[in-house]
Amino acid sequence: MVDERTGKAGVVMGHEGPYVQLRPPCGGLEWDVPPDALRHPSQAEGLSAKVAVANGRWGR
Protein backbone atom coordinates (compact mmCIF):
# COMPACT_ATOMS: atom_id res chain seq x y z
CA MET A 1 0.00 0.00 0.00
CA VAL A 2 1.04 3.62 -0.43
CA ASP A 3 0.70 6.34 2.19
CA GLU A 4 -0.75 9.19 0.12
CA ARG A 5 0.44 11.76 2.67
CA THR A 6 4.11 10.94 2.04
CA GLY A 7 4.12 8.83 -1.13
CA LYS A 8 5.98 6.04 0.73
CA ALA A 9 5.14 2.42 -0.06
CA GLY A 10 4.75 -0.07 2.76
CA VAL A 11 3.57 -3.54 3.67
CA VAL A 12 0.47 -3.70 5.86
CA MET A 13 1.49 -5.20 9.21
CA GLY A 14 -1.73 -4.74 11.16
CA HIS A 15 -4.18 -2.32 12.69
CA GLU A 16 -3.72 -0.27 15.86
CA GLY A 17 -6.83 1.60 16.91
CA PRO A 18 -8.10 3.61 13.96
CA TYR A 19 -4.81 3.33 12.05
CA VAL A 20 -3.25 0.84 9.65
CA GLN A 21 0.39 0.08 10.35
CA LEU A 22 2.79 0.00 7.40
CA ARG A 23 6.40 -1.16 7.32
CA PRO A 24 8.90 -0.29 4.56
CA PRO A 25 9.30 -3.18 2.06
CA CYS A 26 12.96 -3.67 3.05
CA GLY A 27 12.22 -3.58 6.78
CA GLY A 28 12.39 -0.85 9.34
CA LEU A 29 10.08 0.94 11.70
CA GLU A 30 6.34 0.79 11.20
CA TRP A 31 4.30 3.94 10.91
CA ASP A 32 0.60 4.63 11.38
CA VAL A 33 -1.61 5.69 8.50
CA PRO A 34 -5.29 6.64 8.56
CA PRO A 35 -7.18 4.19 6.30
CA ASP A 36 -8.47 7.02 4.10
CA ALA A 37 -4.84 8.00 3.28
CA LEU A 38 -4.01 4.58 1.78
CA ARG A 39 -4.11 3.51 -1.83
CA HIS A 40 -2.89 0.57 -3.87
CA PRO A 41 0.47 1.14 -5.55
CA SER A 42 0.71 1.80 -9.27
CA GLN A 43 2.49 -0.84 -11.35
CA ALA A 44 5.64 1.28 -11.34
CA GLU A 45 5.54 1.76 -7.55
CA GLY A 46 4.95 -1.95 -6.98
CA LEU A 47 7.82 -2.91 -9.26
CA SER A 48 10.12 -0.36 -7.62
CA ALA A 49 9.37 -1.83 -4.17
CA LYS A 50 10.03 -5.37 -5.43
CA VAL A 51 13.36 -4.32 -6.97
CA ALA A 52 14.38 -2.64 -3.69
CA VAL A 53 13.64 -5.83 -1.78
CA ALA A 54 15.57 -7.96 -4.31
CA ASN A 55 18.54 -5.57 -4.21
CA GLY A 56 18.53 -5.79 -0.42
CA ARG A 57 18.77 -9.57 -0.60
CA TRP A 58 21.73 -9.39 -2.97
CA GLY A 59 23.57 -6.70 -1.01
CA ARG A 60 23.40 -3.93 -3.58
PDB file of N, CA and C in Angstrom:
ATOM      1  N   MET A   1       0.838  -1.164   0.000  1.00  0.00           N
ATOM      2  CA  MET A   1       0.000   0.000   0.000  1.00  0.00           C
ATOM      3  C   MET A   1       0.892   1.240   0.000  1.00  0.00           C
ATOM      4  N   VAL A   2       0.305   2.365  -0.390  1.00  0.00           N
ATOM      5  CA  VAL A   2       1.040   3.622  -0.435  1.00  0.00           C
ATOM      6  C   VAL A   2       0.365   4.621   0.495  1.00  0.00           C
ATOM      7  N   ASP A   3       1.165   5.267   1.312  1.00  0.00           N
ATOM      8  CA  ASP A   3       0.703   6.342   2.186  1.00  0.00           C
ATOM      9  C   ASP A   3       0.621   7.594   1.317  1.00  0.00           C
ATOM     10  N   GLU A   4      -0.591   8.040   1.015  1.00  0.00           N
ATOM     11  CA  GLU A   4      -0.755   9.195   0.118  1.00  0.00           C
ATOM     12  C   GLU A   4      -0.206  10.482   0.717  1.00  0.00           C
ATOM     13  N   ARG A   5      -0.072  10.535   2.031  1.00  0.00           N
ATOM     14  CA  ARG A   5       0.443  11.755   2.666  1.00  0.00           C
ATOM     15  C   ARG A   5       1.918  11.952   2.357  1.00  0.00           C
ATOM     16  N   THR A   6       2.661  10.846   2.238  1.00  0.00           N
ATOM     17  CA  THR A   6       4.108  10.936   2.041  1.00  0.00           C
ATOM     18  C   THR A   6       4.573  10.344   0.720  1.00  0.00           C
ATOM     19  N   GLY A   7       3.734   9.499   0.098  1.00  0.00           N
ATOM     20  CA  GLY A   7       4.124   8.827  -1.128  1.00  0.00           C
ATOM     21  C   GLY A   7       4.959   7.581  -0.876  1.00  0.00           C
ATOM     22  N   LYS A   8       5.162   7.207   0.397  1.00  0.00           N
ATOM     23  CA  LYS A   8       5.980   6.035   0.729  1.00  0.00           C
ATOM     24  C   LYS A   8       5.152   4.763   0.606  1.00  0.00           C
ATOM     25  N   ALA A   9       5.770   3.729   0.036  1.00  0.00           N
ATOM     26  CA  ALA A   9       5.138   2.419  -0.064  1.00  0.00           C
ATOM     27  C   ALA A   9       5.456   1.624   1.187  1.00  0.00           C
ATOM     28  N   GLY A  10       4.523   0.765   1.582  1.00  0.00           N
ATOM     29  CA  GLY A  10       4.749  -0.069   2.757  1.00  0.00           C
ATOM     30  C   GLY A  10       3.905  -1.331   2.706  1.00  0.00           C
ATOM     31  N   VAL A  11       4.283  -2.274   3.536  1.00  0.00           N
ATOM     32  CA  VAL A  11       3.571  -3.542   3.674  1.00  0.00           C
ATOM     33  C   VAL A  11       2.660  -3.408   4.894  1.00  0.00           C
ATOM     34  N   VAL A  12       1.398  -3.767   4.740  1.00  0.00           N
ATOM     35  CA  VAL A  12       0.469  -3.703   5.861  1.00  0.00           C
ATOM     36  C   VAL A  12       0.864  -4.755   6.888  1.00  0.00           C
ATOM     37  N   MET A  13       1.087  -4.298   8.125  1.00  0.00           N
ATOM     38  CA  MET A  13       1.492  -5.196   9.205  1.00  0.00           C
ATOM     39  C   MET A  13       0.355  -5.451  10.183  1.00  0.00           C
ATOM     40  N   GLY A  14      -0.625  -4.561  10.233  1.00  0.00           N
ATOM     41  CA  GLY A  14      -1.728  -4.738  11.160  1.00  0.00           C
ATOM     42  C   GLY A  14      -2.493  -3.446  11.347  1.00  0.00           C
ATOM     43  N   HIS A  15      -3.362  -3.477  12.365  1.00  0.00           N
ATOM     44  CA  HIS A  15      -4.177  -2.316  12.693  1.00  0.00           C
ATOM     45  C   HIS A  15      -3.949  -1.990  14.163  1.00  0.00           C
ATOM     46  N   GLU A  16      -3.857  -0.724  14.477  1.00  0.00           N
ATOM     47  CA  GLU A  16      -3.722  -0.270  15.857  1.00  0.00           C
ATOM     48  C   GLU A  16      -4.708   0.876  16.041  1.00  0.00           C
ATOM     49  N   GLY A  17      -5.779   0.603  16.751  1.00  0.00           N
ATOM     50  CA  GLY A  17      -6.828   1.604  16.911  1.00  0.00           C
ATOM     51  C   GLY A  17      -7.410   1.935  15.553  1.00  0.00           C
ATOM     52  N   PRO A  18      -7.520   3.222  15.247  1.00  0.00           N
ATOM     53  CA  PRO A  18      -8.101   3.607  13.961  1.00  0.00           C
ATOM     54  C   PRO A  18      -7.095   3.623  12.803  1.00  0.00           C
ATOM     55  N   TYR A  19      -5.865   3.239  13.054  1.00  0.00           N
ATOM     56  CA  TYR A  19      -4.808   3.333  12.054  1.00  0.00           C
ATOM     57  C   TYR A  19      -4.399   1.976  11.493  1.00  0.00           C
ATOM     58  N   VAL A  20      -3.871   2.008  10.273  1.00  0.00           N
ATOM     59  CA  VAL A  20      -3.249   0.844   9.647  1.00  0.00           C
ATOM     60  C   VAL A  20      -1.747   1.042   9.805  1.00  0.00           C
ATOM     61  N   GLN A  21      -1.051  -0.017  10.172  1.00  0.00           N
ATOM     62  CA  GLN A  21       0.395   0.077  10.347  1.00  0.00           C
ATOM     63  C   GLN A  21       1.094  -0.455   9.108  1.00  0.00           C
ATOM     64  N   LEU A  22       1.984   0.372   8.564  1.00  0.00           N
ATOM     65  CA  LEU A  22       2.786  -0.001   7.399  1.00  0.00           C
ATOM     66  C   LEU A  22       4.240  -0.118   7.816  1.00  0.00           C
ATOM     67  N   ARG A  23       4.956  -0.997   7.126  1.00  0.00           N
ATOM     68  CA  ARG A  23       6.400  -1.156   7.324  1.00  0.00           C
ATOM     69  C   ARG A  23       7.060  -1.035   5.955  1.00  0.00           C
ATOM     70  N   PRO A  24       8.207  -0.377   5.848  1.00  0.00           N
ATOM     71  CA  PRO A  24       8.903  -0.294   4.562  1.00  0.00           C
ATOM     72  C   PRO A  24       9.159  -1.693   3.999  1.00  0.00           C
ATOM     73  N   PRO A  25       9.111  -1.860   2.679  1.00  0.00           N
ATOM     74  CA  PRO A  25       9.304  -3.179   2.062  1.00  0.00           C
ATOM     75  C   PRO A  25      10.618  -3.857   2.451  1.00  0.00           C
ATOM     76  N   CYS A  26      11.661  -3.091   2.700  1.00  0.00           N
ATOM     77  CA  CYS A  26      12.961  -3.670   3.047  1.00  0.00           C
ATOM     78  C   CYS A  26      13.170  -3.764   4.551  1.00  0.00           C
ATOM     79  N   GLY A  27      12.118  -3.527   5.327  1.00  0.00           N
ATOM     80  CA  GLY A  27      12.219  -3.584   6.778  1.00  0.00           C
ATOM     81  C   GLY A  27      12.422  -2.208   7.364  1.00  0.00           C
ATOM     82  N   GLY A  28      12.248  -2.121   8.651  1.00  0.00           N
ATOM     83  CA  GLY A  28      12.392  -0.845   9.336  1.00  0.00           C
ATOM     84  C   GLY A  28      11.221  -0.616  10.265  1.00  0.00           C
ATOM     85  N   LEU A  29      11.116   0.590  10.748  1.00  0.00           N
ATOM     86  CA  LEU A  29      10.078   0.939  11.701  1.00  0.00           C
ATOM     87  C   LEU A  29       8.720   1.114  11.021  1.00  0.00           C
ATOM     88  N   GLU A  30       7.707   0.620  11.694  1.00  0.00           N
ATOM     89  CA  GLU A  30       6.344   0.786  11.202  1.00  0.00           C
ATOM     90  C   GLU A  30       5.882   2.219  11.458  1.00  0.00           C
ATOM     91  N   TRP A  31       4.923   2.652  10.667  1.00  0.00           N
ATOM     92  CA  TRP A  31       4.298   3.942  10.909  1.00  0.00           C
ATOM     93  C   TRP A  31       2.791   3.792  10.737  1.00  0.00           C
ATOM     94  N   ASP A  32       2.052   4.677  11.394  1.00  0.00           N
ATOM     95  CA  ASP A  32       0.595   4.632  11.384  1.00  0.00           C
ATOM     96  C   ASP A  32       0.040   5.511  10.277  1.00  0.00           C
ATOM     97  N   VAL A  33      -0.981   4.985   9.599  1.00  0.00           N
ATOM     98  CA  VAL A  33      -1.609   5.693   8.495  1.00  0.00           C
ATOM     99  C   VAL A  33      -3.125   5.603   8.660  1.00  0.00           C
ATOM    100  N   PRO A  34      -3.828   6.730   8.551  1.00  0.00           N
ATOM    101  CA  PRO A  34      -5.286   6.639   8.558  1.00  0.00           C
ATOM    102  C   PRO A  34      -5.745   5.864   7.320  1.00  0.00           C
ATOM    103  N   PRO A  35      -6.743   5.003   7.450  1.00  0.00           N
ATOM    104  CA  PRO A  35      -7.180   4.194   6.305  1.00  0.00           C
ATOM    105  C   PRO A  35      -7.549   5.011   5.064  1.00  0.00           C
ATOM    106  N   ASP A  36      -8.081   6.215   5.263  1.00  0.00           N
ATOM    107  CA  ASP A  36      -8.470   7.023   4.103  1.00  0.00           C
ATOM    108  C   ASP A  36      -7.269   7.641   3.385  1.00  0.00           C
ATOM    109  N   ALA A  37      -6.062   7.484   3.922  1.00  0.00           N
ATOM    110  CA  ALA A  37      -4.843   7.999   3.284  1.00  0.00           C
ATOM    111  C   ALA A  37      -4.061   6.890   2.584  1.00  0.00           C
ATOM    112  N   LEU A  38      -4.671   5.707   2.443  1.00  0.00           N
ATOM    113  CA  LEU A  38      -4.006   4.583   1.782  1.00  0.00           C
ATOM    114  C   LEU A  38      -4.544   4.376   0.373  1.00  0.00           C
ATOM    115  N   ARG A  39      -3.668   3.909  -0.488  1.00  0.00           N
ATOM    116  CA  ARG A  39      -4.105   3.507  -1.830  1.00  0.00           C
ATOM    117  C   ARG A  39      -3.219   2.362  -2.289  1.00  0.00           C
ATOM    118  N   HIS A  40      -3.699   1.635  -3.278  1.00  0.00           N
ATOM    119  CA  HIS A  40      -2.890   0.572  -3.867  1.00  0.00           C
ATOM    120  C   HIS A  40      -1.786   1.203  -4.703  1.00  0.00           C
ATOM    121  N   PRO A  41      -0.621   0.579  -4.757  1.00  0.00           N
ATOM    122  CA  PRO A  41       0.471   1.140  -5.555  1.00  0.00           C
ATOM    123  C   PRO A  41       0.201   0.997  -7.044  1.00  0.00           C
ATOM    124  N   SER A  42       0.754   1.931  -7.814  1.00  0.00           N
ATOM    125  CA  SER A  42       0.709   1.800  -9.270  1.00  0.00           C
ATOM    126  C   SER A  42       1.631   0.648  -9.655  1.00  0.00           C
ATOM    127  N   GLN A  43       1.579   0.232 -10.905  1.00  0.00           N
ATOM    128  CA  GLN A  43       2.485  -0.838 -11.350  1.00  0.00           C
ATOM    129  C   GLN A  43       3.939  -0.432 -11.156  1.00  0.00           C
ATOM    130  N   ALA A  44       4.260   0.810 -11.472  1.00  0.00           N
ATOM    131  CA  ALA A  44       5.645   1.280 -11.336  1.00  0.00           C
ATOM    132  C   ALA A  44       6.075   1.288  -9.876  1.00  0.00           C
ATOM    133  N   GLU A  45       5.203   1.738  -8.972  1.00  0.00           N
ATOM    134  CA  GLU A  45       5.538   1.761  -7.549  1.00  0.00           C
ATOM    135  C   GLU A  45       5.713   0.340  -7.006  1.00  0.00           C
ATOM    136  N   GLY A  46       4.848  -0.560  -7.420  1.00  0.00           N
ATOM    137  CA  GLY A  46       4.951  -1.950  -6.980  1.00  0.00           C
ATOM    138  C   GLY A  46       6.243  -2.592  -7.456  1.00  0.00           C
ATOM    139  N   LEU A  47       6.586  -2.351  -8.715  1.00  0.00           N
ATOM    140  CA  LEU A  47       7.823  -2.906  -9.265  1.00  0.00           C
ATOM    141  C   LEU A  47       9.044  -2.309  -8.569  1.00  0.00           C
ATOM    142  N   SER A  48       9.014  -1.022  -8.302  1.00  0.00           N
ATOM    143  CA  SER A  48      10.123  -0.363  -7.617  1.00  0.00           C
ATOM    144  C   SER A  48      10.344  -0.965  -6.235  1.00  0.00           C
ATOM    145  N   ALA A  49       9.252  -1.222  -5.507  1.00  0.00           N
ATOM    146  CA  ALA A  49       9.374  -1.830  -4.174  1.00  0.00           C
ATOM    147  C   ALA A  49       9.947  -3.240  -4.274  1.00  0.00           C
ATOM    148  N   LYS A  50       9.514  -4.007  -5.267  1.00  0.00           N
ATOM    149  CA  LYS A  50      10.029  -5.371  -5.435  1.00  0.00           C
ATOM    150  C   LYS A  50      11.514  -5.361  -5.788  1.00  0.00           C
ATOM    151  N   VAL A  51      11.941  -4.429  -6.606  1.00  0.00           N
ATOM    152  CA  VAL A  51      13.355  -4.318  -6.975  1.00  0.00           C
ATOM    153  C   VAL A  51      14.179  -3.941  -5.741  1.00  0.00           C
ATOM    154  N   ALA A  52      13.664  -3.031  -4.911  1.00  0.00           N
ATOM    155  CA  ALA A  52      14.380  -2.640  -3.693  1.00  0.00           C
ATOM    156  C   ALA A  52      14.563  -3.833  -2.763  1.00  0.00           C
ATOM    157  N   VAL A  53      13.544  -4.647  -2.628  1.00  0.00           N
ATOM    158  CA  VAL A  53      13.643  -5.835  -1.775  1.00  0.00           C
ATOM    159  C   VAL A  53      14.670  -6.807  -2.357  1.00  0.00           C
ATOM    160  N   ALA A  54      14.609  -7.041  -3.673  1.00  0.00           N
ATOM    161  CA  ALA A  54      15.567  -7.955  -4.314  1.00  0.00           C
ATOM    162  C   ALA A  54      16.989  -7.439  -4.171  1.00  0.00           C
ATOM    163  N   ASN A  55      17.194  -6.139  -4.352  1.00  0.00           N
ATOM    164  CA  ASN A  55      18.537  -5.573  -4.212  1.00  0.00           C
ATOM    165  C   ASN A  55      19.033  -5.736  -2.782  1.00  0.00           C
ATOM    166  N   GLY A  56      18.148  -5.617  -1.810  1.00  0.00           N
ATOM    167  CA  GLY A  56      18.533  -5.787  -0.417  1.00  0.00           C
ATOM    168  C   GLY A  56      18.994  -7.209  -0.137  1.00  0.00           C
ATOM    169  N   ARG A  57      18.376  -8.176  -0.796  1.00  0.00           N
ATOM    170  CA  ARG A  57      18.771  -9.570  -0.603  1.00  0.00           C
ATOM    171  C   ARG A  57      20.148  -9.838  -1.198  1.00  0.00           C
ATOM    172  N   TRP A  58      20.457  -9.138  -2.281  1.00  0.00           N
ATOM    173  CA  TRP A  58      21.731  -9.386  -2.973  1.00  0.00           C
ATOM    174  C   TRP A  58      22.828  -8.429  -2.539  1.00  0.00           C
ATOM    175  N   GLY A  59      22.539  -7.575  -1.574  1.00  0.00           N
ATOM    176  CA  GLY A  59      23.570  -6.696  -1.014  1.00  0.00           C
ATOM    177  C   GLY A  59      23.974  -5.539  -1.896  1.00  0.00           C
ATOM    178  N   ARG A  60      23.062  -5.063  -2.708  1.00  0.00           N
ATOM    179  CA  ARG A  60      23.400  -3.934  -3.578  1.00  0.00           C
ATOM    180  C   ARG A  60      22.860  -2.647  -3.034  1.00  0.00           C
TER     181      ARG A  60
END
